[in-house]
């Protein structure tokens, strides 16, 4: 009857976020694996605020666990929560 629809997401888990941040904070070495080199090419570290310092293509990386907090902040920022016209 119903076909399952696969959805694609760019969200990552807190565990993967911590792994990426650790790779970015570690000193580069000639012995680094290709996976580590790829992480350093794709992601950037900026700032020191916990859970708000990993970026990809200039955009802040968000985890599954914090996505609703990010949505709430965005709604509050545009006053969407209080103003019915917006």
C-alpha atoms as a PDB file:
ATOM      1  CA  UNK A   1       0.000   0.000   0.000  1.00  0.00           C
ATOM      2  CA  UNK A   2       2.321   2.707   1.274  1.00  0.00           C
ATOM      3  CA  UNK A   3       5.878   2.934   0.114  1.00  0.00           C
ATOM      4  CA  UNK A   4       8.437   3.946   2.657  1.00  0.00           C
ATOM      5  CA  UNK A   5       9.973   7.302   1.884  1.00  0.00           C
ATOM      6  CA  UNK A   6      13.611   7.797   2.690  1.00  0.00           C
ATOM      7  CA  UNK A   7      14.443  11.202   4.057  1.00  0.00           C
ATOM      8  CA  UNK A   8      17.848  12.741   3.945  1.00  0.00           C
ATOM      9  CA  UNK A   9      19.177  14.859   6.759  1.00  0.00           C
ATOM     10  CA  UNK A  10      22.392  16.633   7.546  1.00  0.00           C
ATOM     11  CA  UNK A  11      21.872  16.443  11.298  1.00  0.00           C
ATOM     12  CA  UNK A  12      24.407  14.479  13.298  1.00  0.00           C
ATOM     13  CA  UNK A  13      24.408  12.933  16.771  1.00  0.00           C
ATOM     14  CA  UNK A  14      26.048  14.497  19.813  1.00  0.00           C
ATOM     15  CA  UNK A  15      28.607  11.674  19.716  1.00  0.00           C
ATOM     16  CA  UNK A  16      29.620  12.454  16.128  1.00  0.00           C
ATOM     17  CA  UNK A  17      29.694  16.188  16.939  1.00  0.00           C
ATOM     18  CA  UNK A  18      32.131  15.499  19.797  1.00  0.00           C
ATOM     19  CA  UNK A  19      34.266  13.327  17.493  1.00  0.00           C
ATOM     20  CA  UNK A  20      34.411  16.029  14.806  1.00  0.00           C
ATOM     21  CA  UNK A  21      35.290  18.695  17.375  1.00  0.00           C
ATOM     22  CA  UNK A  22      38.067  16.492  18.793  1.00  0.00           C
ATOM     23  CA  UNK A  23      39.529  15.993  15.299  1.00  0.00           C
ATOM     24  CA  UNK A  24      39.434  19.747  14.640  1.00  0.00           C
ATOM     25  CA  UNK A  25      41.106  20.571  17.956  1.00  0.00           C
ATOM     26  CA  UNK A  26      43.877  17.968  17.593  1.00  0.00           C
ATOM     27  CA  UNK A  27      47.165  18.966  15.993  1.00  0.00           C
ATOM     28  CA  UNK A  28      47.392  17.870  12.349  1.00  0.00           C
ATOM     29  CA  UNK A  29      49.836  15.055  11.695  1.00  0.00           C
ATOM     30  CA  UNK A  30      51.198  13.341   8.612  1.00  0.00           C
ATOM     31  CA  UNK A  31      49.926  10.069  10.137  1.00  0.00           C
ATOM     32  CA  UNK A  32      46.282  11.253  10.116  1.00  0.00           C
ATOM     33  CA  UNK A  33      43.834   8.956   8.353  1.00  0.00           C
ATOM     34  CA  UNK A  34      41.960  10.055   5.247  1.00  0.00           C
ATOM     35  CA  UNK A  35      38.761  10.248   7.322  1.00  0.00           C
ATOM     36  CA  UNK A  36      40.396  12.742   9.677  1.00  0.00           C
ATOM     37  CA  UNK A  37      41.686  14.782   6.741  1.00  0.00           C
ATOM     38  CA  UNK A  38      38.212  14.818   5.201  1.00  0.00           C
ATOM     39  CA  UNK A  39      36.705  16.045   8.481  1.00  0.00           C
ATOM     40  CA  UNK A  40      39.234  18.883   8.557  1.00  0.00           C
ATOM     41  CA  UNK A  41      38.399  19.802   4.950  1.00  0.00           C
ATOM     42  CA  UNK A  42      34.614  19.774   5.460  1.00  0.00           C
ATOM     43  CA  UNK A  43      34.241  21.280   8.951  1.00  0.00           C
ATOM     44  CA  UNK A  44      35.690  24.354  10.632  1.00  0.00           C
ATOM     45  CA  UNK A  45      35.943  25.249  14.301  1.00  0.00           C
ATOM     46  CA  UNK A  46      35.186  28.792  15.381  1.00  0.00           C
ATOM     47  CA  UNK A  47      34.574  30.187  18.844  1.00  0.00           C
ATOM     48  CA  UNK A  48      34.468  28.465  22.190  1.00  0.00           C
ATOM     49  CA  UNK A  49      30.759  28.222  23.023  1.00  0.00           C
ATOM     50  CA  UNK A  50      29.795  24.623  23.741  1.00  0.00           C
ATOM     51  CA  UNK A  51      27.679  23.071  20.944  1.00  0.00           C
ATOM     52  CA  UNK A  52      28.042  26.240  18.843  1.00  0.00           C
ATOM     53  CA  UNK A  53      31.573  26.098  17.465  1.00  0.00           C
ATOM     54  CA  UNK A  54      31.542  23.621  14.537  1.00  0.00           C
ATOM     55  CA  UNK A  55      30.644  24.989  11.108  1.00  0.00           C
ATOM     56  CA  UNK A  56      30.205  23.473   7.650  1.00  0.00           C
ATOM     57  CA  UNK A  57      30.143  25.778   4.613  1.00  0.00           C
ATOM     58  CA  UNK A  58      29.758  28.753   6.954  1.00  0.00           C
ATOM     59  CA  UNK A  59      26.662  27.286   8.639  1.00  0.00           C
ATOM     60  CA  UNK A  60      26.487  26.159  12.251  1.00  0.00           C
ATOM     61  CA  UNK A  61      26.301  22.363  12.628  1.00  0.00           C
ATOM     62  CA  UNK A  62      23.283  21.163  14.610  1.00  0.00           C
ATOM     63  CA  UNK A  63      22.686  17.791  16.240  1.00  0.00           C
ATOM     64  CA  UNK A  64      19.507  15.690  16.426  1.00  0.00           C
ATOM     65  CA  UNK A  65      19.364  16.334  20.148  1.00  0.00           C
ATOM     66  CA  UNK A  66      19.418  20.135  19.828  1.00  0.00           C
ATOM     67  CA  UNK A  67      17.384  20.736  16.663  1.00  0.00           C
ATOM     68  CA  UNK A  68      14.204  21.740  18.506  1.00  0.00           C
ATOM     69  CA  UNK A  69      16.137  24.250  20.619  1.00  0.00           C
ATOM     70  CA  UNK A  70      17.501  25.791  17.409  1.00  0.00           C
ATOM     71  CA  UNK A  71      13.986  26.026  15.946  1.00  0.00           C
ATOM     72  CA  UNK A  72      12.701  27.652  19.141  1.00  0.00           C
ATOM     73  CA  UNK A  73      15.482  30.247  19.096  1.00  0.00           C
ATOM     74  CA  UNK A  74      14.749  31.035  15.437  1.00  0.00           C
ATOM     75  CA  UNK A  75      11.040  31.488  16.157  1.00  0.00           C
ATOM     76  CA  UNK A  76      11.767  33.762  19.082  1.00  0.00           C
ATOM     77  CA  UNK A  77      14.232  35.765  17.019  1.00  0.00           C
ATOM     78  CA  UNK A  78      11.553  36.653  14.453  1.00  0.00           C
ATOM     79  CA  UNK A  79       8.915  37.116  17.164  1.00  0.00           C
ATOM     80  CA  UNK A  80       6.915  34.295  15.555  1.00  0.00           C
ATOM     81  CA  UNK A  81       5.949  32.911  18.938  1.00  0.00           C
ATOM     82  CA  UNK A  82       4.003  35.977  20.070  1.00  0.00           C
ATOM     83  CA  UNK A  83       2.733  37.703  16.935  1.00  0.00           C
ATOM     84  CA  UNK A  84      -0.011  35.882  15.038  1.00  0.00           C
ATOM     85  CA  UNK A  85       0.479  38.069  11.934  1.00  0.00           C
ATOM     86  CA  UNK A  86       4.033  36.863  11.428  1.00  0.00           C
END
